N, C-alpha and C. Protein backbone atom coordinates (compact mmCIF):
# COMPACT_ATOMS: atom_id res chain seq x y z
N MET A 1 65.29 -24.59 -1.14
CA MET A 1 64.39 -24.78 -0.57
C MET A 1 64.16 -25.56 0.62
N SER A 2 63.29 -25.09 1.43
CA SER A 2 63.12 -25.20 3.05
C SER A 2 62.38 -26.28 3.22
N ALA A 3 62.81 -26.80 3.84
CA ALA A 3 61.81 -28.21 4.32
C ALA A 3 61.25 -28.05 5.40
N SER A 4 59.75 -28.70 5.72
CA SER A 4 59.30 -28.37 6.77
C SER A 4 59.52 -29.78 7.57
N ILE A 5 59.36 -29.78 8.67
CA ILE A 5 59.33 -31.18 9.33
C ILE A 5 58.43 -32.12 9.35
N GLY A 6 57.03 -31.72 8.85
CA GLY A 6 56.07 -32.35 8.00
C GLY A 6 56.65 -33.39 6.70
N SER A 7 57.49 -32.73 5.71
CA SER A 7 58.15 -33.38 4.72
C SER A 7 59.40 -34.26 4.89
N MET A 8 59.78 -34.30 6.23
CA MET A 8 60.80 -35.10 6.76
C MET A 8 60.55 -36.53 6.79
N PRO A 9 61.60 -37.47 6.33
CA PRO A 9 61.39 -38.48 6.50
C PRO A 9 60.69 -39.31 8.35
N CYS A 10 60.48 -40.04 8.46
CA CYS A 10 60.08 -40.58 10.17
C CYS A 10 61.19 -40.77 10.71
N ARG A 11 62.29 -41.11 10.55
CA ARG A 11 63.45 -41.01 11.01
C ARG A 11 64.30 -39.61 11.70
N ASP A 12 64.44 -38.83 10.64
CA ASP A 12 64.41 -37.40 10.91
C ASP A 12 63.82 -36.88 12.19
N ARG A 13 61.85 -36.97 11.67
CA ARG A 13 61.47 -36.34 12.05
C ARG A 13 61.47 -36.45 13.61
N ALA A 14 61.57 -37.89 14.34
CA ALA A 14 61.93 -38.36 15.21
C ALA A 14 62.98 -37.92 16.00
N ARG A 15 64.05 -38.11 15.48
CA ARG A 15 64.59 -37.37 16.08
C ARG A 15 65.41 -35.90 16.29
N LYS A 16 64.66 -34.99 15.52
CA LYS A 16 64.56 -33.60 15.63
C LYS A 16 63.73 -33.40 16.68
N CYS A 17 62.57 -33.92 16.74
CA CYS A 17 61.61 -34.20 18.17
C CYS A 17 61.89 -34.62 19.27
N ILE A 18 62.98 -35.60 19.35
CA ILE A 18 63.58 -36.05 20.71
C ILE A 18 64.90 -35.33 21.11
N THR A 19 65.36 -34.18 20.30
CA THR A 19 66.25 -33.30 21.03
C THR A 19 65.73 -32.29 21.88
N TYR A 20 64.35 -32.10 22.07
CA TYR A 20 63.71 -31.28 22.87
C TYR A 20 63.09 -32.07 24.13
N VAL A 21 63.49 -33.27 24.35
CA VAL A 21 63.54 -34.02 25.65
C VAL A 21 64.99 -34.07 26.03
N PRO A 22 64.96 -33.92 27.31
CA PRO A 22 66.38 -33.67 28.12
C PRO A 22 67.26 -34.73 28.07
N LEU A 23 66.65 -35.68 28.83
CA LEU A 23 67.47 -37.02 28.97
C LEU A 23 67.32 -37.81 27.95
N ALA A 24 66.08 -38.02 27.01
CA ALA A 24 66.05 -38.57 26.18
C ALA A 24 66.82 -38.56 24.82
N SER A 25 67.19 -37.14 24.70
CA SER A 25 68.01 -36.60 23.73
C SER A 25 69.78 -37.44 24.63
N LEU A 26 70.30 -37.13 25.49
CA LEU A 26 71.18 -37.83 25.88
C LEU A 26 71.47 -39.13 25.73
N PHE A 27 70.17 -39.74 25.57
CA PHE A 27 70.83 -41.37 25.73
C PHE A 27 70.37 -41.80 24.32
N PHE A 28 69.55 -41.38 23.61
CA PHE A 28 69.19 -41.77 22.21
C PHE A 28 69.60 -41.01 20.83
N PHE A 29 70.32 -39.91 21.08
CA PHE A 29 70.02 -38.52 20.16
C PHE A 29 71.83 -39.08 19.64
N SER A 30 71.73 -39.91 18.65
CA SER A 30 73.08 -40.35 18.24
C SER A 30 74.17 -39.93 17.38
N HIS A 31 73.45 -39.33 16.20
CA HIS A 31 74.70 -38.65 15.49
C HIS A 31 75.49 -37.19 15.88
N PRO A 32 74.86 -36.50 16.61
CA PRO A 32 75.71 -35.16 16.69
C PRO A 32 76.08 -35.96 18.49
N THR A 33 77.41 -35.18 18.80
CA THR A 33 77.85 -34.94 20.19
C THR A 33 76.90 -34.00 20.98
N VAL A 34 76.77 -34.51 22.46
CA VAL A 34 76.28 -33.48 22.97
C VAL A 34 77.13 -32.60 23.59
N SER A 35 77.10 -31.21 23.65
CA SER A 35 77.85 -30.35 24.43
C SER A 35 78.39 -30.45 25.63
N LEU A 36 79.28 -30.07 25.91
CA LEU A 36 80.05 -29.96 27.42
C LEU A 36 78.80 -29.15 28.55
N ASP A 37 78.02 -28.21 27.83
CA ASP A 37 77.49 -26.93 28.92
C ASP A 37 76.00 -28.05 29.04
N GLN A 38 75.58 -29.00 27.88
CA GLN A 38 74.62 -30.09 28.22
C GLN A 38 74.66 -31.17 29.29
N VAL A 39 75.62 -31.66 29.21
CA VAL A 39 76.43 -32.89 30.09
C VAL A 39 76.59 -31.99 31.53
N GLU A 40 77.07 -31.06 31.43
CA GLU A 40 77.26 -30.48 32.64
C GLU A 40 75.93 -29.86 33.84
N LYS A 41 74.96 -29.40 32.58
CA LYS A 41 73.57 -29.24 33.22
C LYS A 41 72.94 -30.84 33.60
N ALA A 42 73.17 -31.58 33.12
CA ALA A 42 72.60 -33.08 33.29
C ALA A 42 73.12 -33.61 34.41
N LEU A 43 74.55 -33.28 34.52
CA LEU A 43 75.38 -33.57 35.83
C LEU A 43 74.81 -32.83 37.42
N GLN A 44 74.23 -32.02 36.74
CA GLN A 44 74.18 -30.92 38.13
C GLN A 44 72.37 -31.19 38.42
N MET A 45 72.06 -31.38 37.24
CA MET A 45 70.07 -31.94 37.48
C MET A 45 70.10 -33.42 38.65
N PHE A 46 71.29 -34.02 37.52
CA PHE A 46 71.36 -35.53 38.75
C PHE A 46 71.45 -35.56 40.03
N GLY A 47 72.78 -34.19 40.34
CA GLY A 47 73.17 -34.29 41.48
C GLY A 47 71.84 -33.51 42.44
N MET A 48 71.51 -32.39 41.88
CA MET A 48 70.12 -31.86 42.76
C MET A 48 68.84 -33.08 43.06
N ILE A 49 68.55 -34.01 41.99
CA ILE A 49 67.78 -35.07 42.23
C ILE A 49 68.15 -36.30 43.71
N THR A 50 69.00 -36.41 43.52
CA THR A 50 69.74 -37.24 44.32
C THR A 50 70.11 -36.81 45.90
N VAL A 51 70.11 -35.60 46.11
CA VAL A 51 70.53 -34.85 47.17
C VAL A 51 69.16 -34.60 47.68
N LEU A 52 68.11 -34.75 47.00
CA LEU A 52 66.57 -34.14 47.43
C LEU A 52 66.41 -35.66 47.75
N LEU A 53 66.45 -36.55 46.87
CA LEU A 53 65.82 -37.85 47.56
C LEU A 53 66.74 -38.18 48.63
N ALA A 54 67.84 -38.21 48.85
CA ALA A 54 68.76 -38.78 49.87
C ALA A 54 68.23 -38.19 51.17
N SER A 55 67.73 -36.74 51.18
CA SER A 55 67.25 -36.28 52.09
C SER A 55 66.17 -36.58 52.59
N CYS A 56 65.36 -36.90 52.25
CA CYS A 56 64.20 -37.92 52.24
C CYS A 56 64.12 -38.95 53.26
N VAL A 57 64.86 -39.90 52.29
CA VAL A 57 65.30 -41.19 53.06
C VAL A 57 65.79 -40.71 54.16
N VAL A 58 66.68 -39.83 54.57
CA VAL A 58 67.18 -39.61 55.80
C VAL A 58 66.15 -39.40 56.52
N SER A 59 65.41 -38.49 56.30
CA SER A 59 64.28 -37.73 57.31
C SER A 59 63.36 -38.69 57.77
N THR A 60 63.27 -40.09 57.06
CA THR A 60 62.61 -41.05 57.31
C THR A 60 63.26 -42.09 58.40
N PHE A 61 64.37 -41.96 58.82
CA PHE A 61 65.21 -42.75 59.80
C PHE A 61 64.32 -42.15 61.10
N GLU A 62 63.90 -41.26 61.21
CA GLU A 62 63.07 -40.66 62.51
C GLU A 62 62.13 -41.44 63.13
N VAL A 63 61.10 -41.94 61.92
CA VAL A 63 60.11 -42.64 62.32
C VAL A 63 60.90 -43.87 63.30
N ASP A 64 59.64 -44.45 64.17
CA ASP A 64 59.70 -45.48 65.21
C ASP A 64 59.17 -46.67 64.24
N ILE A 65 60.14 -47.63 63.97
CA ILE A 65 59.61 -48.72 63.34
C ILE A 65 60.10 -50.03 64.18
N GLU A 66 60.43 -49.66 65.72
CA GLU A 66 60.21 -50.44 66.64
C GLU A 66 59.22 -51.52 66.68
N GLY A 67 59.07 -52.66 67.12
CA GLY A 67 58.04 -53.66 67.10
C GLY A 67 57.12 -53.78 65.94
N LEU A 68 57.81 -53.41 64.98
CA LEU A 68 56.91 -53.79 63.47
C LEU A 68 57.51 -54.91 63.08
N GLU A 69 56.10 -55.77 62.32
CA GLU A 69 56.49 -56.93 62.09
C GLU A 69 58.05 -57.24 60.87
N ARG A 70 58.19 -56.38 60.48
CA ARG A 70 59.34 -56.18 59.15
C ARG A 70 60.41 -55.13 59.73
N GLU A 71 60.64 -54.98 60.80
CA GLU A 71 61.24 -53.86 61.47
C GLU A 71 62.88 -54.19 60.90
N ALA A 72 63.44 -55.18 60.96
CA ALA A 72 64.38 -55.31 60.17
C ALA A 72 64.73 -55.16 58.51
N GLN A 73 63.16 -55.57 58.37
CA GLN A 73 63.54 -55.60 56.67
C GLN A 73 63.22 -53.57 55.86
N ILE A 74 62.66 -53.02 56.90
CA ILE A 74 62.47 -51.75 56.69
C ILE A 74 63.27 -51.33 56.60
N ALA A 75 64.49 -51.18 57.91
CA ALA A 75 65.64 -50.71 58.37
C ALA A 75 66.71 -50.97 57.16
N SER A 76 66.92 -52.22 56.69
CA SER A 76 67.84 -52.41 55.75
C SER A 76 67.18 -51.65 54.49
N ASN A 77 66.43 -51.83 53.93
CA ASN A 77 65.87 -51.06 52.75
C ASN A 77 66.23 -49.64 52.82
N LEU A 78 65.82 -48.64 53.65
CA LEU A 78 66.08 -47.29 54.07
C LEU A 78 67.35 -47.41 53.82
N PHE A 79 68.51 -48.19 54.74
CA PHE A 79 69.52 -48.09 54.72
C PHE A 79 70.41 -48.57 53.29
N VAL A 80 69.85 -48.83 52.50
CA VAL A 80 70.25 -49.44 51.04
C VAL A 80 70.28 -48.37 50.36
N ALA A 81 69.36 -47.80 50.51
CA ALA A 81 68.67 -46.71 49.72
C ALA A 81 69.39 -45.68 49.70
N VAL A 82 69.89 -45.28 51.17
CA VAL A 82 71.10 -43.83 51.04
C VAL A 82 72.17 -44.38 50.13
N GLN A 83 72.76 -45.72 50.97
CA GLN A 83 73.78 -46.08 49.99
C GLN A 83 73.67 -46.15 48.80
N VAL A 84 73.03 -46.33 47.95
CA VAL A 84 72.74 -46.29 46.61
C VAL A 84 72.54 -44.90 45.75
N TYR A 85 72.17 -44.13 47.15
CA TYR A 85 72.35 -42.58 46.63
C TYR A 85 73.46 -42.10 47.16
N MET A 86 74.24 -42.28 47.85
CA MET A 86 75.16 -42.15 48.37
C MET A 86 76.60 -42.24 46.89
N LEU A 87 76.51 -43.49 46.54
CA LEU A 87 76.85 -44.10 45.53
C LEU A 87 76.70 -43.01 44.27
N LEU A 88 75.56 -42.95 44.13
CA LEU A 88 75.43 -42.13 42.75
C LEU A 88 75.67 -40.88 42.83
N LEU A 89 75.72 -40.12 43.95
CA LEU A 89 76.61 -38.95 44.28
C LEU A 89 77.49 -38.77 44.23
N PHE A 90 78.30 -39.55 44.49
CA PHE A 90 79.90 -39.74 44.45
C PHE A 90 80.01 -39.88 42.81
N LEU A 91 79.54 -40.96 42.16
CA LEU A 91 79.68 -41.38 40.75
C LEU A 91 79.71 -39.58 40.25
N ILE A 92 78.44 -39.10 40.42
CA ILE A 92 78.23 -37.54 39.63
C ILE A 92 79.18 -37.03 39.96
N LEU A 93 79.57 -36.60 41.05
CA LEU A 93 81.01 -36.21 41.83
C LEU A 93 81.84 -36.28 41.13
N VAL A 94 82.42 -37.47 40.60
CA VAL A 94 83.41 -37.72 40.38
C VAL A 94 83.68 -37.39 38.70
N CYS A 95 82.40 -37.86 37.88
CA CYS A 95 82.16 -37.84 36.82
C CYS A 95 82.11 -36.37 36.23
N TYR A 96 81.50 -35.38 37.30
CA TYR A 96 81.71 -33.49 36.97
C TYR A 96 83.22 -33.43 37.32
N ILE A 97 83.72 -33.42 38.29
CA ILE A 97 85.43 -33.16 38.15
C ILE A 97 86.11 -33.83 37.33
N TYR A 98 85.87 -34.70 36.90
CA TYR A 98 86.78 -35.30 35.56
C TYR A 98 86.42 -34.25 34.15
N LEU A 99 85.31 -34.12 34.13
CA LEU A 99 84.41 -33.65 32.75
C LEU A 99 85.38 -31.76 32.97
N MET A 100 85.36 -31.52 34.57
CA MET A 100 86.23 -30.00 34.49
C MET A 100 87.29 -30.08 33.94
N LEU A 101 87.62 -30.98 34.56
CA LEU A 101 89.51 -30.99 34.98
C LEU A 101 89.88 -31.40 33.52
N VAL A 102 89.33 -32.58 33.11
CA VAL A 102 90.29 -32.94 31.80
C VAL A 102 89.48 -32.03 30.47
N PHE A 103 88.27 -31.74 30.39
CA PHE A 103 87.85 -31.10 28.85
C PHE A 103 88.30 -29.52 28.83
N VAL A 104 88.11 -29.12 30.44
CA VAL A 104 87.77 -27.51 29.92
C VAL A 104 89.87 -27.50 29.85
N GLN A 105 90.90 -28.26 30.84
CA GLN A 105 91.91 -28.04 31.26
C GLN A 105 92.36 -28.55 29.78
N GLU A 106 92.05 -29.55 29.30
CA GLU A 106 92.62 -29.84 27.85
C GLU A 106 92.10 -29.01 26.67
N GLY A 107 91.03 -28.28 26.75
CA GLY A 107 90.59 -27.56 25.60
C GLY A 107 91.49 -26.09 25.57
N ASP A 108 91.77 -26.13 26.59
CA ASP A 108 92.65 -24.84 26.86
C ASP A 108 94.33 -25.02 25.84
N GLU A 109 94.68 -26.18 25.81
CA GLU A 109 95.93 -26.26 25.48
C GLU A 109 95.65 -26.07 24.00
N GLN A 110 97.10 -26.05 23.36
CA GLN A 110 97.41 -26.13 21.68
C GLN A 110 97.22 -27.37 20.95
N ILE A 111 96.35 -27.13 20.25
CA ILE A 111 97.08 -29.10 19.64
C ILE A 111 98.26 -28.31 18.37
N PRO A 112 99.31 -29.27 18.23
CA PRO A 112 100.49 -28.62 17.55
C PRO A 112 100.15 -28.19 15.79
N GLY A 113 100.72 -27.58 15.55
CA GLY A 113 99.79 -27.26 13.92
C GLY A 113 98.83 -26.67 13.63
N ALA A 114 97.69 -26.76 15.01
CA ALA A 114 96.34 -26.26 14.62
C ALA A 114 96.12 -24.85 14.51
N VAL A 115 95.11 -24.51 14.12
CA VAL A 115 94.74 -23.32 14.23
C VAL A 115 93.97 -23.07 15.82
N ASP A 116 94.29 -21.61 15.90
CA ASP A 116 94.14 -21.53 17.39
C ASP A 116 92.44 -21.49 17.80
N ASP A 117 91.96 -22.95 18.32
CA ASP A 117 90.71 -23.00 18.41
C ASP A 117 90.39 -24.35 19.41
N SER A 118 90.57 -23.71 20.82
CA SER A 118 90.03 -24.70 21.58
C SER A 118 88.87 -25.27 21.66
N ASP A 119 87.65 -24.81 21.42
CA ASP A 119 86.68 -25.02 21.33
C ASP A 119 86.12 -26.23 20.28
N LEU A 120 87.12 -26.32 19.29
CA LEU A 120 87.19 -27.94 18.33
C LEU A 120 87.86 -28.71 18.93
N LYS A 121 88.82 -28.76 20.05
CA LYS A 121 89.66 -29.91 20.60
C LYS A 121 88.83 -30.14 21.85
N THR A 122 88.42 -29.35 22.35
CA THR A 122 87.17 -30.09 23.74
C THR A 122 85.81 -30.39 22.98
N ALA A 123 85.60 -30.42 21.56
CA ALA A 123 84.40 -31.06 20.86
C ALA A 123 84.92 -32.19 20.49
N VAL A 124 86.18 -32.51 20.32
CA VAL A 124 86.71 -34.03 19.82
C VAL A 124 86.75 -34.65 21.17
N LEU A 125 87.42 -33.96 22.06
CA LEU A 125 87.57 -34.84 23.31
C LEU A 125 86.28 -35.39 24.09
N LEU A 126 85.22 -34.38 24.04
CA LEU A 126 83.83 -34.50 24.36
C LEU A 126 83.43 -35.82 23.75
N ARG A 127 83.69 -35.38 22.10
CA ARG A 127 82.65 -37.03 21.55
C ARG A 127 83.37 -37.93 21.94
N GLN A 128 84.68 -38.01 22.21
CA GLN A 128 85.08 -39.21 22.27
C GLN A 128 84.82 -39.78 23.58
N TRP A 129 85.10 -39.26 24.56
CA TRP A 129 84.31 -39.49 26.08
C TRP A 129 83.06 -40.06 25.89
N TRP A 130 82.30 -39.42 25.42
CA TRP A 130 80.49 -39.41 25.29
C TRP A 130 80.40 -41.26 24.36
N ASN A 131 81.21 -41.13 23.48
CA ASN A 131 80.69 -42.33 22.80
C ASN A 131 81.88 -43.62 23.16
N SER A 132 82.54 -43.17 23.79
CA SER A 132 82.88 -44.64 24.79
C SER A 132 82.41 -44.67 25.97
N TRP A 133 82.22 -43.72 27.07
CA TRP A 133 82.09 -43.77 28.16
C TRP A 133 80.81 -43.08 28.56
N GLY A 134 80.80 -41.88 28.13
CA GLY A 134 79.79 -41.34 28.43
C GLY A 134 77.83 -41.44 29.10
N ARG A 135 77.73 -42.13 27.69
CA ARG A 135 76.69 -42.74 27.57
C ARG A 135 76.36 -44.06 28.40
N ILE A 136 77.32 -44.70 28.86
CA ILE A 136 77.23 -45.84 30.14
C ILE A 136 76.91 -45.32 31.25
N LEU A 137 77.68 -44.28 31.64
CA LEU A 137 78.07 -43.44 32.74
C LEU A 137 76.52 -43.09 32.95
N PHE A 138 76.16 -42.48 31.97
CA PHE A 138 74.53 -41.64 32.42
C PHE A 138 73.47 -42.29 32.69
N PHE A 139 73.47 -44.19 31.49
CA PHE A 139 72.86 -44.68 31.94
C PHE A 139 72.56 -45.54 33.10
N LEU A 140 74.17 -45.47 34.04
CA LEU A 140 74.36 -46.16 35.34
C LEU A 140 73.52 -45.28 36.01
N MET A 141 74.00 -43.40 36.27
CA MET A 141 73.26 -42.91 36.76
C MET A 141 71.72 -42.90 37.25
N LEU A 142 71.50 -42.96 35.85
CA LEU A 142 69.70 -43.29 35.97
C LEU A 142 69.28 -44.47 36.55
N VAL A 143 69.83 -45.66 36.45
CA VAL A 143 69.58 -47.02 37.42
C VAL A 143 69.83 -46.73 38.41
N LEU A 144 70.88 -46.16 38.97
CA LEU A 144 71.10 -46.16 40.11
C LEU A 144 70.07 -45.29 40.91
N LEU A 145 69.74 -44.37 40.24
CA LEU A 145 68.52 -43.43 40.84
C LEU A 145 67.11 -44.35 41.09
N VAL A 146 67.02 -45.07 39.96
CA VAL A 146 65.90 -45.86 39.97
C VAL A 146 65.83 -46.92 41.32
N VAL A 147 66.95 -47.70 41.29
CA VAL A 147 67.25 -48.78 42.25
C VAL A 147 67.16 -48.08 43.36
N ALA A 148 67.83 -47.02 43.79
CA ALA A 148 67.94 -46.31 44.96
C ALA A 148 66.09 -45.74 45.36
N SER A 149 65.69 -45.50 44.65
CA SER A 149 63.97 -44.94 44.57
C SER A 149 63.22 -46.51 45.19
N ASP A 150 63.53 -47.47 44.37
CA ASP A 150 63.00 -48.95 44.56
C ASP A 150 63.17 -49.21 46.02
N PHE A 151 64.11 -49.33 46.46
CA PHE A 151 64.64 -49.76 47.94
C PHE A 151 63.54 -48.64 48.90
N TYR A 152 63.93 -47.39 48.51
CA TYR A 152 63.30 -46.38 49.61
C TYR A 152 61.70 -46.81 49.54
N PHE A 153 60.76 -46.97 48.22
CA PHE A 153 59.57 -46.67 48.28
C PHE A 153 59.22 -48.25 48.92
N LYS A 154 60.39 -49.23 48.84
CA LYS A 154 59.85 -50.58 49.51
C LYS A 154 59.97 -50.37 51.10
N GLY A 155 60.49 -49.84 51.43
CA GLY A 155 60.84 -49.64 52.71
C GLY A 155 59.50 -48.45 53.44
N ILE A 156 59.19 -47.70 52.68
CA ILE A 156 58.36 -46.88 53.09
C ILE A 156 57.09 -47.83 53.10
N ARG A 157 56.51 -48.68 51.92
CA ARG A 157 55.49 -49.52 52.11
C ARG A 157 55.22 -50.58 53.03
N TYR A 158 56.66 -51.09 53.51
CA TYR A 158 56.44 -51.88 54.06
C TYR A 158 56.21 -50.94 55.62
N TYR A 159 56.47 -49.97 55.68
CA TYR A 159 56.11 -49.21 57.10
C TYR A 159 55.02 -49.14 57.69
N PHE A 160 54.29 -48.76 56.23
CA PHE A 160 53.04 -48.25 56.36
C PHE A 160 51.95 -49.59 56.66
N HIS A 161 52.19 -50.84 55.88
CA HIS A 161 51.24 -52.06 55.50
C HIS A 161 51.97 -52.37 57.15
N ASP A 162 52.94 -52.59 57.81
CA ASP A 162 52.84 -52.91 59.15
C ASP A 162 52.27 -51.79 60.06
N LYS A 163 52.51 -50.56 60.14
CA LYS A 163 51.97 -49.72 60.98
C LYS A 163 50.32 -49.91 60.77
N TYR A 164 49.62 -49.49 59.46
CA TYR A 164 48.53 -49.68 59.66
C TYR A 164 47.80 -51.18 59.22
N GLU A 165 48.31 -52.24 59.21
CA GLU A 165 48.03 -53.18 59.06
C GLU A 165 47.13 -53.22 57.61
N MET A 166 47.60 -53.02 56.69
CA MET A 166 46.49 -52.87 55.82
C MET A 166 46.92 -54.32 54.91
N PRO A 167 45.95 -54.92 54.90
CA PRO A 167 45.90 -56.21 54.46
C PRO A 167 45.83 -56.58 52.55
N HIS A 168 45.54 -55.35 52.03
CA HIS A 168 45.62 -55.56 50.63
C HIS A 168 46.95 -55.25 49.61
N VAL A 169 47.84 -54.66 50.43
CA VAL A 169 48.85 -54.18 49.72
C VAL A 169 49.98 -55.43 49.57
N ALA A 170 50.72 -55.48 47.78
CA ALA A 170 50.82 -56.54 47.58
C ALA A 170 52.13 -56.46 48.49
N GLU A 171 53.11 -57.64 48.15
CA GLU A 171 54.32 -57.82 48.61
C GLU A 171 55.15 -57.07 47.62
């Protein structure tokens, strides 16, 4: 008997639907472990977004902020944004290198007395890593991305507010 999604309980329906949302499935899809391929693709996506946003921040260093009312605050917001983006990029690279060296290398080794199945060992190692540190690291990456973007947008907002003297922009 094949059950359709309409006849599933609400919790199972939500779990089945959330698997198609990339970041949401990484954080909230709790019963099975994500695959190494999913984690690798998510890290690549985080890395690409981080580099693109960091390049936007660095390109704004060319604007002339000299003589503006909040010159020091604009410069410090942009500088902190670059620092947080670089911290995030470093975290992504370390996590990616760790995953590739440990899980791919460990998956190739044989478990004594086990069947020749390196994918099983990789899945077990990945499940242990994901349940202990993986979710925390991915949540931290998302938080760092939001914090760095907030610093960048504050610096840009202050720049335009001071440059064009816009009185109705909230602090």
